Amino acid sequence: MDRPHRSFHEQASTYPGNVLIKLADSRTASRNLDFDSSGTMNVSINTFCMVPLNFGQSSRIGRRFVITFHILDTYMGGPETDWIQAYASAAGRKAAEMAEQSAKLVAQRIPDAEASRPLVGYAGNYRDRWYGDVDVLLTDGKLRIGFTKSPRLAGSLSPWGKDTFLVRWDDRTLNADALIDFAADHEGRITGAMMRRASPRTAHAYDYQDLHLVRASAH
């Protein structure tokens, strides 16, 4: 098999013990096969690894771990492990857990759910001390929500339970629909709301559960 010529160059950096390693490949330069550094300073050790961009997209994160662990086993002389099978088994268990969690969420939805009060009762300006303002508006007989500091977080609300609504974002590329649970005082007036992910598959970066929305004014 014809292999491209590769040359390695090691150069000490300005930090003691730090080494910069460059992998040069004239025939595959477009693949960004550059590997930069690992280093030690005082009692801290760090390792930085880069893989070809066309093989390490976020949707293939498992591939990256499989490759990294195999390299580490080889480099450190560890026992041989079938990381592909190990990852496949873990991914299978995770998929089963997500399916079970999704089924539980769907079971919570009340068929043909209707809001427990006129929709205008939910409309208003809500404020979270960490995030800021979130507006719930009644437009053409339907509720909409908008995060004032995040233009992409704008969407429609549809009844899910008694005082719970499904938030369906207009931007479907977000893949991050949410549930909003409104709370009322003893007189039945909406005073605030909490949010949560509508699916276990939603990225954890959407930390809706950290929002404590207090109704600041009615619309």
Foldseek 3Di string as FASTA:
>chain_A
DDDFDWDWDWDDDPAPFKIFIAIDTPVPVVQVPGAGIWGDHDHDTGHGGDDGPVQPDPVVPLVVVQVVVQVVCVVVVHDDDNSVVVSVVVVVVVVVVQVVVLVVLLVQFDVVADEQDQPLLPFAWWAFPPQGIKGWDQDPNFIKIQRPVDRQQIAGWDDGHHQKTWGDTPPVVQVWIKIKGFDADPVRHTFWIAMDTSGPPHDCVPVRRVGTITGPTGD
